[in-house]
Amino acid sequence: MATQPKSTTGAALVAEAFGTLLLVLATIGTWLFAAGFGAGTDASNKGVGFVGVSLAVGLTVVVGVYAFGPISGGHFNPAVTLGLAAAGRFPWRRVVPYLIAQVVGGLVGTTLLVLVSLSGPNDFLTRAEGAGFASNGWDSLSPAGFGIGGAVIVETLFTLLFLVVILGVTHPVRGTRFAGLAIGLTLTVIHLATIPIDNTSVNPARSLATAVYGGATALSQLWVFIVFPIVGALVAGFAYRALFDGTRSLAA
């Protein structure tokens, strides 16, 4: 993941939109079509479950970072863009265009999934929308029935930790050529730990993209999955810059 890509603004924005589109298509597509495939039947073992969704997220991010990272930096997530800007790794003047591109990419992704769902059997789309369309949420939208407090804590904490990893592996001096792999694996672990709590966001663009098709409850709860990932990302960015990017020698 490059933090300051050397490409035209237009190319970077298109790359961010395509990368977010890819992420939403793969992640939410796996959730809708494969996670619970065959549930309640003799074919129930064919579903990929939470583990499959977690792997879909991580693998897609790895692919997206290596495919689009050299063009846009491979953010695909408003929280990542804001966290990088807070850490001084990304210019603030480019933040708003990146956020718009990411939101548009995510919305196009879920719209395409809706079009696919229209051809599903037994009112597939109606049932998917009635179940929240893989939206993030608490209480009735939480797979394990967690409340709003759990959602607030995990979205803040895990987004913060995600940004710390990103800032570490992409550091201009201490970074690694395997940054994309490290970021994807981290996101996989985050999803494994938190899907039962709130369906895991750590990405406001992903949350908005599903909430628009998830019904009134998903839309009413969306604010948590916009506000708290951003809070976690900004805290991580400012804290990392203060703690780990100083120039003073340890021997001083």
Protein backbone atom coordinates (compact mmCIF):
# COMPACT_ATOMS: atom_id res chain seq x y z
CA MET A 1 0.00 0.00 0.00
CA ALA A 2 1.62 3.19 -1.18
CA THR A 3 0.54 6.23 0.85
CA GLN A 4 1.44 8.92 -1.71
CA PRO A 5 1.06 7.38 -5.17
CA LYS A 6 2.70 9.09 -8.13
CA SER A 7 -0.22 9.13 -10.57
CA THR A 8 -2.74 11.60 -11.92
CA THR A 9 -5.65 12.47 -9.65
CA GLY A 10 -8.14 11.05 -12.12
CA ALA A 11 -6.35 7.71 -12.35
CA ALA A 12 -6.07 7.51 -8.57
CA LEU A 13 -9.77 8.16 -8.06
CA VAL A 14 -10.79 5.59 -10.65
CA ALA A 15 -8.47 3.07 -8.99
CA GLU A 16 -9.99 3.78 -5.57
CA ALA A 17 -13.50 3.36 -6.96
CA PHE A 18 -12.61 0.09 -8.70
CA GLY A 19 -10.78 -1.22 -5.66
CA THR A 20 -13.71 -0.48 -3.36
CA LEU A 21 -16.08 -1.97 -5.93
CA LEU A 22 -14.00 -5.16 -5.99
CA LEU A 23 -13.92 -5.31 -2.19
CA VAL A 24 -17.69 -4.93 -1.86
CA LEU A 25 -18.49 -7.34 -4.67
CA ALA A 26 -16.28 -10.07 -3.25
CA THR A 27 -17.05 -9.56 0.42
CA ILE A 28 -20.79 -8.90 0.33
CA GLY A 29 -21.24 -11.33 -2.56
CA THR A 30 -19.68 -14.09 -0.46
CA TRP A 31 -21.88 -13.07 2.46
CA LEU A 32 -25.11 -13.10 0.45
CA PHE A 33 -24.57 -16.02 -1.87
CA ALA A 34 -22.12 -18.38 -0.19
CA ALA A 35 -21.90 -17.87 3.58
CA GLY A 36 -25.11 -19.71 4.45
CA PHE A 37 -25.51 -21.74 1.28
CA GLY A 38 -27.63 -24.80 1.91
CA ALA A 39 -28.39 -23.85 5.51
CA GLY A 40 -31.13 -26.03 6.96
CA THR A 41 -30.65 -28.74 4.35
CA ASP A 42 -28.41 -31.74 3.82
CA ALA A 43 -26.18 -29.45 1.76
CA SER A 44 -25.47 -27.08 4.66
CA ASN A 45 -21.79 -28.03 4.72
CA LYS A 46 -21.38 -26.28 1.36
CA GLY A 47 -21.69 -22.84 2.94
CA VAL A 48 -18.44 -20.99 3.65
CA GLY A 49 -19.69 -19.34 6.85
CA PHE A 50 -17.92 -16.60 8.80
CA VAL A 51 -14.51 -18.05 7.98
CA GLY A 52 -15.20 -17.86 4.27
CA VAL A 53 -16.38 -14.27 4.50
CA SER A 54 -13.30 -13.31 6.52
CA LEU A 55 -11.01 -14.89 3.95
CA ALA A 56 -12.90 -13.19 1.11
CA VAL A 57 -12.29 -9.80 2.71
CA GLY A 58 -8.61 -10.41 3.36
CA LEU A 59 -7.82 -11.97 0.00
CA THR A 60 -9.63 -9.23 -1.89
CA VAL A 61 -7.68 -6.55 -0.05
CA VAL A 62 -4.40 -8.32 -0.87
CA VAL A 63 -5.33 -8.47 -4.55
CA GLY A 64 -6.62 -4.90 -4.59
CA VAL A 65 -3.55 -3.46 -2.89
CA TYR A 66 -1.18 -5.06 -5.37
CA ALA A 67 -3.39 -4.26 -8.37
CA PHE A 68 -4.34 -0.68 -7.55
CA GLY A 69 -1.88 0.33 -4.84
CA PRO A 70 0.73 1.63 -7.27
CA ILE A 71 -1.93 3.92 -8.76
CA SER A 72 -3.93 5.19 -5.78
CA GLY A 73 -2.28 3.79 -2.68
CA GLY A 74 -4.93 1.09 -2.34
CA HIS A 75 -7.02 2.57 0.47
CA PHE A 76 -10.55 1.41 -0.50
CA ASN A 77 -11.78 2.67 2.87
CA PRO A 78 -12.55 6.19 4.13
CA ALA A 79 -11.14 5.33 7.55
CA VAL A 80 -7.82 4.32 6.00
CA THR A 81 -7.62 7.53 3.97
CA LEU A 82 -8.35 9.69 7.02
CA GLY A 83 -5.97 7.73 9.22
CA LEU A 84 -3.14 8.09 6.71
CA ALA A 85 -3.82 11.82 6.44
CA ALA A 86 -3.76 12.18 10.24
CA ALA A 87 -0.41 10.40 10.29
CA GLY A 88 1.03 12.75 7.68
CA ARG A 89 1.25 10.03 5.04
CA PHE A 90 -1.42 11.40 2.71
CA PRO A 91 -2.27 15.00 1.72
CA TRP A 92 -5.45 16.36 3.28
CA ARG A 93 -6.39 18.12 0.04
CA ARG A 94 -6.96 14.70 -1.60
CA VAL A 95 -9.05 13.24 1.19
CA VAL A 96 -12.54 14.35 0.06
CA PRO A 97 -12.12 13.15 -3.57
CA TYR A 98 -10.88 9.79 -2.28
CA LEU A 99 -13.86 9.46 0.07
CA ILE A 100 -16.29 10.21 -2.75
CA ALA A 101 -14.63 7.66 -5.05
CA GLN A 102 -14.75 4.99 -2.35
CA VAL A 103 -18.41 5.61 -1.54
CA VAL A 104 -19.35 5.54 -5.23
CA GLY A 105 -17.41 2.31 -5.77
CA GLY A 106 -19.11 0.66 -2.82
CA LEU A 107 -22.59 1.72 -3.90
CA VAL A 108 -22.02 0.46 -7.44
CA GLY A 109 -20.86 -2.83 -5.94
CA THR A 110 -24.00 -3.46 -3.91
CA THR A 111 -26.20 -2.27 -6.78
CA LEU A 112 -24.62 -4.90 -9.02
CA LEU A 113 -25.27 -7.52 -6.33
CA VAL A 114 -28.91 -6.43 -6.22
CA LEU A 115 -29.14 -6.94 -9.98
CA VAL A 116 -27.71 -10.45 -9.60
CA SER A 117 -30.11 -11.17 -6.73
CA LEU A 118 -33.10 -10.31 -8.91
CA SER A 119 -32.65 -13.62 -10.72
CA GLY A 120 -32.40 -15.60 -7.47
CA PRO A 121 -34.94 -18.27 -6.52
CA ASN A 122 -37.76 -17.97 -4.02
CA ASP A 123 -37.76 -14.17 -3.66
CA PHE A 124 -34.05 -14.21 -2.86
CA LEU A 125 -33.66 -10.43 -3.03
CA THR A 126 -36.67 -9.76 -0.81
CA ARG A 127 -35.36 -12.17 1.80
CA ALA A 128 -31.83 -10.73 1.60
CA GLU A 129 -33.12 -7.19 2.07
CA GLY A 130 -35.38 -8.33 4.90
CA ALA A 131 -32.36 -9.83 6.66
CA GLY A 132 -30.45 -6.56 6.32
CA PHE A 133 -28.50 -7.25 3.13
CA ALA A 134 -25.33 -8.07 5.15
CA SER A 135 -25.51 -4.65 6.80
CA ASN A 136 -23.66 -3.81 9.97
CA GLY A 137 -25.70 -3.36 13.10
CA TRP A 138 -26.53 -4.37 16.64
CA ASP A 139 -29.45 -6.10 18.38
CA SER A 140 -31.52 -7.60 15.55
CA LEU A 141 -28.73 -7.03 13.00
CA SER A 142 -26.02 -8.57 15.18
CA PRO A 143 -25.46 -12.26 14.36
CA ALA A 144 -24.97 -13.00 18.07
CA GLY A 145 -27.37 -10.36 19.43
CA PHE A 146 -24.81 -7.87 20.78
CA GLY A 147 -25.92 -4.34 21.67
CA ILE A 148 -24.72 -0.94 20.55
CA GLY A 149 -21.93 -0.83 23.15
CA GLY A 150 -20.20 -3.83 21.61
CA ALA A 151 -20.45 -2.31 18.15
CA VAL A 152 -19.00 1.03 19.28
CA ILE A 153 -16.06 -0.60 21.06
CA VAL A 154 -15.07 -3.06 18.34
CA GLU A 155 -15.39 -0.54 15.50
CA THR A 156 -13.23 1.99 17.32
CA LEU A 157 -10.68 -0.47 18.67
CA PHE A 158 -10.23 -2.71 15.65
CA THR A 159 -10.10 0.18 13.18
CA LEU A 160 -7.42 1.76 15.37
CA LEU A 161 -5.42 -1.48 15.40
CA PHE A 162 -5.91 -1.92 11.66
CA LEU A 163 -4.48 1.54 10.99
CA VAL A 164 -1.54 0.91 13.30
CA VAL A 165 -0.67 -2.17 11.27
CA ILE A 166 -1.06 -0.30 7.99
CA LEU A 167 1.11 2.58 9.19
CA GLY A 168 3.75 0.14 10.37
CA VAL A 169 4.02 -2.08 7.31
CA THR A 170 3.91 0.86 4.87
CA HIS A 171 6.41 3.02 6.74
CA PRO A 172 8.83 4.63 4.26
CA VAL A 173 11.83 3.41 6.27
CA ARG A 174 10.63 0.44 8.32
CA GLY A 175 8.00 -0.90 5.94
CA THR A 176 7.96 -4.23 4.14
CA ARG A 177 7.44 -5.33 0.55
CA PHE A 178 4.82 -7.73 1.91
CA ALA A 179 2.64 -4.88 3.19
CA GLY A 180 -0.37 -5.93 1.12
CA LEU A 181 -0.27 -9.45 2.52
CA ALA A 182 0.09 -8.22 6.10
CA ILE A 183 -2.83 -5.82 5.68
CA GLY A 184 -5.06 -8.48 4.15
CA LEU A 185 -4.27 -11.01 6.87
CA THR A 186 -4.94 -8.41 9.56
CA LEU A 187 -8.33 -7.65 8.07
CA THR A 188 -9.09 -11.38 7.94
CA VAL A 189 -8.32 -11.76 11.65
CA ILE A 190 -10.41 -8.68 12.48
CA HIS A 191 -13.41 -10.20 10.71
CA LEU A 192 -12.92 -13.58 12.37
CA ALA A 193 -13.02 -11.87 15.75
CA THR A 194 -15.89 -9.44 15.22
CA ILE A 195 -18.38 -10.70 12.62
CA PRO A 196 -20.62 -12.21 15.34
CA ILE A 197 -20.75 -8.84 17.11
CA ASP A 198 -21.84 -6.43 14.38
CA ASN A 199 -21.04 -8.03 10.99
CA THR A 200 -17.72 -6.12 11.04
CA SER A 201 -17.35 -2.78 9.33
CA VAL A 202 -14.05 -0.95 9.99
CA ASN A 203 -14.95 0.60 6.64
CA PRO A 204 -17.67 3.28 6.35
CA ALA A 205 -17.93 2.84 2.56
CA ARG A 206 -18.77 -0.84 2.99
CA SER A 207 -21.37 -0.01 5.68
CA LEU A 208 -23.08 2.66 3.60
CA ALA A 209 -23.12 0.43 0.52
CA THR A 210 -25.07 -2.31 2.28
CA ALA A 211 -27.27 -0.11 4.48
CA VAL A 212 -28.97 1.54 1.50
CA TYR A 213 -30.42 -1.88 0.62
CA GLY A 214 -30.71 -3.18 4.18
CA GLY A 215 -33.89 -1.46 5.27
CA ALA A 216 -34.85 1.13 7.87
CA THR A 217 -33.05 -0.51 10.80
CA ALA A 218 -29.75 -0.72 8.92
CA LEU A 219 -30.02 2.92 7.87
CA SER A 220 -30.90 4.08 11.39
CA GLN A 221 -27.83 2.31 12.80
CA LEU A 222 -25.45 3.37 10.03
CA TRP A 223 -24.10 6.37 11.95
CA VAL A 224 -22.17 4.13 14.33
CA PHE A 225 -20.32 2.51 11.44
CA ILE A 226 -19.41 5.87 9.98
CA VAL A 227 -18.45 7.72 13.14
CA PHE A 228 -16.51 5.17 15.16
CA PRO A 229 -14.28 3.66 12.48
CA ILE A 230 -13.27 7.24 11.62
CA VAL A 231 -12.63 8.01 15.31
CA GLY A 232 -10.43 4.94 15.63
CA ALA A 233 -8.54 5.75 12.44
CA LEU A 234 -7.87 9.37 13.42
CA VAL A 235 -6.67 8.39 16.89
CA ALA A 236 -4.36 5.80 15.33
CA GLY A 237 -2.99 8.28 12.79
CA PHE A 238 -2.26 11.09 15.21
CA ALA A 239 -0.94 8.72 17.90
CA TYR A 240 1.33 6.81 15.51
CA ARG A 241 2.81 10.04 14.22
CA ALA A 242 3.49 11.26 17.74
CA LEU A 243 4.80 7.99 19.15
CA PHE A 244 6.72 6.36 16.31
CA ASP A 245 7.59 8.99 13.71
CA GLY A 246 9.64 11.37 15.84
CA THR A 247 13.18 12.21 14.78
CA ARG A 248 14.80 12.20 18.21
CA SER A 249 17.39 9.47 18.68
CA LEU A 250 16.83 6.87 21.39
CA ALA A 251 20.39 7.45 22.49
CA ALA A 252 19.83 11.16 23.02
